[in-house]
Amino acid sequence: MVEFLGNVDKNVIVKRLLSAYADEWIAAYYYTLTAYAVKGPLSEEIAEHFLKEAEEEIGKHAKMIADRLQDFDVDPPREFAKLWEISGCKYPALPEDPYDIDAWIMAAVKAEECAIEAYRELYRITHGVDPVTEELAEEILADEVRHRTSLKNLLSKARGT
């Protein structure tokens, strides 16, 4: 049973966790797609980077969130299509041109920025009230900031700057 230190609506936290869970799966899908779709200079390095991030989104973040949902006696959605519906960070449109590496990377940067805001909000609503979820939000937030930074560095490299 989950215990709270203050006045908080458990359903608000659960809804945010479910949305974050969906976001992680969607990001992993799009990062995997990007890894296989990009072409041209640096495409192998970019593919490796995106596959590594996809693995962290599923293997670490989604797992952490699913474990926390279990603390609330809540299962993640059983239907994959439901993930898009409850996602708070709909993935930005992808470019048509597989050689437009900058555009592929920028879509991922935008996705990470949305995730950063989502985890900041989860942290804000749980701070001092639900320490377990607060710590989860803080840890994942740090990872998402690191992801955004590494993507921006990759963008600089792709641009040759």
C-alpha atoms as a PDB file:
ATOM      1  CA  MET A   1       0.000   0.000   0.000  1.00  0.00           C
ATOM      2  CA  VAL A   2       1.234   3.468  -0.878  1.00  0.00           C
ATOM      3  CA  GLU A   3       1.417   5.961   1.958  1.00  0.00           C
ATOM      4  CA  PHE A   4       1.434   9.730   1.506  1.00  0.00           C
ATOM      5  CA  LEU A   5       2.820  12.432   3.748  1.00  0.00           C
ATOM      6  CA  GLY A   6       0.360  15.098   2.679  1.00  0.00           C
ATOM      7  CA  ASN A   7      -2.755  15.901   0.770  1.00  0.00           C
ATOM      8  CA  VAL A   8      -2.477  14.528  -2.753  1.00  0.00           C
ATOM      9  CA  ASP A   9      -4.848  12.829  -5.132  1.00  0.00           C
ATOM     10  CA  LYS A  10      -3.454   9.381  -5.866  1.00  0.00           C
ATOM     11  CA  ASN A  11      -5.346   9.352  -9.184  1.00  0.00           C
ATOM     12  CA  VAL A  12      -3.450  12.427 -10.414  1.00  0.00           C
ATOM     13  CA  ILE A  13      -0.125  10.730  -9.739  1.00  0.00           C
ATOM     14  CA  VAL A  14      -1.255   7.474 -11.341  1.00  0.00           C
ATOM     15  CA  LYS A  15      -2.513   9.321 -14.434  1.00  0.00           C
ATOM     16  CA  ARG A  16       0.843  11.117 -14.799  1.00  0.00           C
ATOM     17  CA  LEU A  17       2.738   7.869 -14.320  1.00  0.00           C
ATOM     18  CA  LEU A  18       0.636   6.135 -16.963  1.00  0.00           C
ATOM     19  CA  SER A  19       1.230   9.023 -19.365  1.00  0.00           C
ATOM     20  CA  ALA A  20       4.979   8.912 -18.674  1.00  0.00           C
ATOM     21  CA  TYR A  21       4.981   5.145 -19.215  1.00  0.00           C
ATOM     22  CA  ALA A  22       3.320   5.682 -22.599  1.00  0.00           C
ATOM     23  CA  ASP A  23       5.795   8.436 -23.481  1.00  0.00           C
ATOM     24  CA  GLU A  24       8.729   6.141 -22.790  1.00  0.00           C
ATOM     25  CA  TRP A  25       7.385   3.402 -25.065  1.00  0.00           C
ATOM     26  CA  ILE A  26       6.575   5.867 -27.838  1.00  0.00           C
ATOM     27  CA  ALA A  27      10.018   7.467 -27.597  1.00  0.00           C
ATOM     28  CA  ALA A  28      11.643   4.029 -27.755  1.00  0.00           C
ATOM     29  CA  TYR A  29       9.641   3.178 -30.873  1.00  0.00           C
ATOM     30  CA  TYR A  30      10.562   6.414 -32.644  1.00  0.00           C
ATOM     31  CA  TYR A  31      14.194   6.182 -31.576  1.00  0.00           C
ATOM     32  CA  THR A  32      14.354   2.670 -32.995  1.00  0.00           C
ATOM     33  CA  LEU A  33      12.664   3.840 -36.188  1.00  0.00           C
ATOM     34  CA  THR A  34      15.151   6.697 -36.471  1.00  0.00           C
ATOM     35  CA  ALA A  35      18.057   4.298 -36.037  1.00  0.00           C
ATOM     36  CA  TYR A  36      16.904   2.263 -39.022  1.00  0.00           C
ATOM     37  CA  ALA A  37      15.627   5.122 -41.190  1.00  0.00           C
ATOM     38  CA  VAL A  38      18.471   7.669 -41.231  1.00  0.00           C
ATOM     39  CA  LYS A  39      20.900   7.534 -44.106  1.00  0.00           C
ATOM     40  CA  GLY A  40      24.113   9.266 -45.050  1.00  0.00           C
ATOM     41  CA  PRO A  41      27.155  10.531 -43.192  1.00  0.00           C
ATOM     42  CA  LEU A  42      27.233   9.561 -39.529  1.00  0.00           C
ATOM     43  CA  SER A  43      24.170   7.347 -39.955  1.00  0.00           C
ATOM     44  CA  GLU A  44      25.883   4.405 -38.249  1.00  0.00           C
ATOM     45  CA  GLU A  45      26.902   6.525 -35.272  1.00  0.00           C
ATOM     46  CA  ILE A  46      23.433   8.052 -35.116  1.00  0.00           C
ATOM     47  CA  ALA A  47      21.785   4.642 -35.319  1.00  0.00           C
ATOM     48  CA  GLU A  48      23.936   3.386 -32.453  1.00  0.00           C
ATOM     49  CA  HIS A  49      23.077   6.441 -30.365  1.00  0.00           C
ATOM     50  CA  PHE A  50      19.327   6.133 -30.950  1.00  0.00           C
ATOM     51  CA  LEU A  51      19.258   2.398 -30.256  1.00  0.00           C
ATOM     52  CA  LYS A  52      21.068   2.977 -26.972  1.00  0.00           C
ATOM     53  CA  GLU A  53      18.560   5.658 -25.977  1.00  0.00           C
ATOM     54  CA  ALA A  54      15.630   3.444 -26.993  1.00  0.00           C
ATOM     55  CA  GLU A  55      16.988   0.709 -24.751  1.00  0.00           C
ATOM     56  CA  GLU A  56      17.206   3.112 -21.798  1.00  0.00           C
ATOM     57  CA  GLU A  57      13.661   4.390 -22.380  1.00  0.00           C
ATOM     58  CA  ILE A  58      12.256   0.849 -22.185  1.00  0.00           C
ATOM     59  CA  GLY A  59      14.770  -1.028 -20.070  1.00  0.00           C
ATOM     60  CA  LYS A  60      15.161   1.605 -17.391  1.00  0.00           C
ATOM     61  CA  HIS A  61      12.505   4.330 -17.480  1.00  0.00           C
ATOM     62  CA  ALA A  62       9.442   2.310 -18.490  1.00  0.00           C
ATOM     63  CA  LYS A  63      10.468  -0.407 -16.030  1.00  0.00           C
ATOM     64  CA  MET A  64      10.860   2.081 -13.169  1.00  0.00           C
ATOM     65  CA  ILE A  65       7.454   3.563 -13.927  1.00  0.00           C
ATOM     66  CA  ALA A  66       5.787   0.143 -14.274  1.00  0.00           C
ATOM     67  CA  ASP A  67       7.260  -0.877 -10.923  1.00  0.00           C
ATOM     68  CA  ARG A  68       5.909   2.290  -9.324  1.00  0.00           C
ATOM     69  CA  LEU A  69       2.484   1.730 -10.875  1.00  0.00           C
ATOM     70  CA  GLN A  70       2.488  -1.706  -9.238  1.00  0.00           C
ATOM     71  CA  ASP A  71       2.938   0.030  -5.882  1.00  0.00           C
ATOM     72  CA  PHE A  72      -0.414   1.666  -6.632  1.00  0.00           C
ATOM     73  CA  ASP A  73      -1.833  -1.713  -7.736  1.00  0.00           C
ATOM     74  CA  VAL A  74      -2.170  -0.406 -11.305  1.00  0.00           C
ATOM     75  CA  ASP A  75      -1.101  -2.258 -14.442  1.00  0.00           C
ATOM     76  CA  PRO A  76       0.172  -0.500 -17.563  1.00  0.00           C
ATOM     77  CA  PRO A  77      -2.267  -0.507 -20.507  1.00  0.00           C
ATOM     78  CA  ARG A  78      -2.801  -3.911 -22.068  1.00  0.00           C
ATOM     79  CA  GLU A  79      -3.380  -2.535 -25.563  1.00  0.00           C
ATOM     80  CA  PHE A  80      -0.444  -0.916 -27.312  1.00  0.00           C
ATOM     81  CA  ALA A  81      -2.734   1.533 -29.132  1.00  0.00           C
ATOM     82  CA  LYS A  82      -3.765   2.936 -25.755  1.00  0.00           C
ATOM     83  CA  LEU A  83      -0.219   4.212 -25.253  1.00  0.00           C
ATOM     84  CA  TRP A  84      -0.607   6.831 -27.982  1.00  0.00           C
ATOM     85  CA  GLU A  85      -3.952   7.872 -26.541  1.00  0.00           C
ATOM     86  CA  ILE A  86      -2.612   8.505 -23.016  1.00  0.00           C
ATOM     87  CA  SER A  87       0.763   9.882 -24.062  1.00  0.00           C
ATOM     88  CA  GLY A  88       1.413  13.419 -22.928  1.00  0.00           C
ATOM     89  CA  CYS A  89       4.274  13.876 -25.377  1.00  0.00           C
ATOM     90  CA  LYS A  90       3.078  13.008 -28.856  1.00  0.00           C
ATOM     91  CA  TYR A  91       6.235  12.481 -30.877  1.00  0.00           C
ATOM     92  CA  PRO A  92       6.928  15.309 -33.361  1.00  0.00           C
ATOM     93  CA  ALA A  93       6.481  14.662 -37.061  1.00  0.00           C
ATOM     94  CA  LEU A  94       9.430  12.933 -38.660  1.00  0.00           C
ATOM     95  CA  PRO A  95      11.038  14.189 -41.858  1.00  0.00           C
ATOM     96  CA  GLU A  96      10.377  12.419 -45.128  1.00  0.00           C
ATOM     97  CA  ASP A  97      14.013  12.677 -46.202  1.00  0.00           C
ATOM     98  CA  PRO A  98      16.155   9.972 -44.528  1.00  0.00           C
ATOM     99  CA  TYR A  99      19.256  12.055 -45.356  1.00  0.00           C
ATOM    100  CA  ASP A 100      18.004  15.092 -43.394  1.00  0.00           C
ATOM    101  CA  ILE A 101      19.806  13.952 -40.258  1.00  0.00           C
ATOM    102  CA  ASP A 102      19.394  17.332 -38.568  1.00  0.00           C
ATOM    103  CA  ALA A 103      15.608  17.106 -38.808  1.00  0.00           C
ATOM    104  CA  TRP A 104      15.579  13.575 -37.376  1.00  0.00           C
ATOM    105  CA  ILE A 105      17.725  14.670 -34.456  1.00  0.00           C
ATOM    106  CA  MET A 106      15.644  17.823 -33.884  1.00  0.00           C
ATOM    107  CA  ALA A 107      12.468  15.719 -33.640  1.00  0.00           C
ATOM    108  CA  ALA A 108      14.138  13.755 -30.866  1.00  0.00           C
ATOM    109  CA  VAL A 109      15.315  16.955 -29.131  1.00  0.00           C
ATOM    110  CA  LYS A 110      11.716  18.211 -29.131  1.00  0.00           C
ATOM    111  CA  ALA A 111      10.541  14.881 -27.698  1.00  0.00           C
ATOM    112  CA  GLU A 112      13.140  15.091 -24.935  1.00  0.00           C
ATOM    113  CA  GLU A 113      12.097  18.652 -24.127  1.00  0.00           C
ATOM    114  CA  CYS A 114       8.511  17.492 -23.695  1.00  0.00           C
ATOM    115  CA  ALA A 115       9.691  14.646 -21.450  1.00  0.00           C
ATOM    116  CA  ILE A 116      11.735  17.085 -19.377  1.00  0.00           C
ATOM    117  CA  GLU A 117       8.661  19.234 -18.774  1.00  0.00           C
ATOM    118  CA  ALA A 118       6.531  16.174 -17.959  1.00  0.00           C
ATOM    119  CA  TYR A 119       9.009  14.918 -15.345  1.00  0.00           C
ATOM    120  CA  ARG A 120       9.431  18.409 -13.896  1.00  0.00           C
ATOM    121  CA  GLU A 121       5.673  18.504 -13.388  1.00  0.00           C
ATOM    122  CA  LEU A 122       5.606  14.997 -11.883  1.00  0.00           C
ATOM    123  CA  TYR A 123       8.383  16.063  -9.528  1.00  0.00           C
ATOM    124  CA  ARG A 124       6.511  19.252  -8.632  1.00  0.00           C
ATOM    125  CA  ILE A 125       3.263  17.499  -7.720  1.00  0.00           C
ATOM    126  CA  THR A 126       5.000  14.785  -5.693  1.00  0.00           C
ATOM    127  CA  HIS A 127       7.675  16.897  -3.989  1.00  0.00           C
ATOM    128  CA  GLY A 128       7.322  16.544  -0.235  1.00  0.00           C
ATOM    129  CA  VAL A 129       4.186  14.452  -0.642  1.00  0.00           C
ATOM    130  CA  ASP A 130       5.160  11.170  -2.313  1.00  0.00           C
ATOM    131  CA  PRO A 131       8.924  10.726  -1.873  1.00  0.00           C
ATOM    132  CA  VAL A 132       9.181   7.529  -3.911  1.00  0.00           C
ATOM    133  CA  THR A 133       7.570   9.025  -7.017  1.00  0.00           C
ATOM    134  CA  GLU A 134       9.439  12.282  -6.414  1.00  0.00           C
ATOM    135  CA  GLU A 135      12.759  10.422  -6.507  1.00  0.00           C
ATOM    136  CA  LEU A 136      11.709   8.488  -9.614  1.00  0.00           C
ATOM    137  CA  ALA A 137      10.809  11.748 -11.377  1.00  0.00           C
ATOM    138  CA  GLU A 138      14.092  13.329 -10.338  1.00  0.00           C
ATOM    139  CA  GLU A 139      16.176  10.406 -11.613  1.00  0.00           C
ATOM    140  CA  ILE A 140      14.385  10.128 -14.945  1.00  0.00           C
ATOM    141  CA  LEU A 141      14.430  13.916 -15.350  1.00  0.00           C
ATOM    142  CA  ALA A 142      18.221  13.876 -15.029  1.00  0.00           C
ATOM    143  CA  ASP A 143      18.409  11.154 -17.691  1.00  0.00           C
ATOM    144  CA  GLU A 144      16.136  13.101 -20.056  1.00  0.00           C
ATOM    145  CA  VAL A 145      18.255  16.254 -19.658  1.00  0.00           C
ATOM    146  CA  ARG A 146      21.336  14.148 -20.422  1.00  0.00           C
ATOM    147  CA  HIS A 147      19.564  12.710 -23.506  1.00  0.00           C
ATOM    148  CA  ARG A 148      18.706  16.197 -24.777  1.00  0.00           C
ATOM    149  CA  THR A 149      22.301  17.347 -24.289  1.00  0.00           C
ATOM    150  CA  SER A 150      23.736  14.320 -26.088  1.00  0.00           C
ATOM    151  CA  LEU A 151      21.277  14.839 -28.957  1.00  0.00           C
ATOM    152  CA  LYS A 152      22.283  18.484 -29.261  1.00  0.00           C
ATOM    153  CA  ASN A 153      25.928  17.407 -29.297  1.00  0.00           C
ATOM    154  CA  LEU A 154      25.112  14.878 -31.998  1.00  0.00           C
ATOM    155  CA  LEU A 155      23.328  17.626 -33.948  1.00  0.00           C
ATOM    156  CA  SER A 156      26.446  19.797 -33.741  1.00  0.00           C
ATOM    157  CA  LYS A 157      28.541  16.892 -34.974  1.00  0.00           C
ATOM    158  CA  ALA A 158      26.125  16.187 -37.850  1.00  0.00           C
ATOM    159  CA  ARG A 159      26.324  19.872 -38.831  1.00  0.00           C
ATOM    160  CA  GLY A 160      30.108  19.801 -38.574  1.00  0.00           C
ATOM    161  CA  THR A 161      30.185  22.549 -35.946  1.00  0.00           C
END
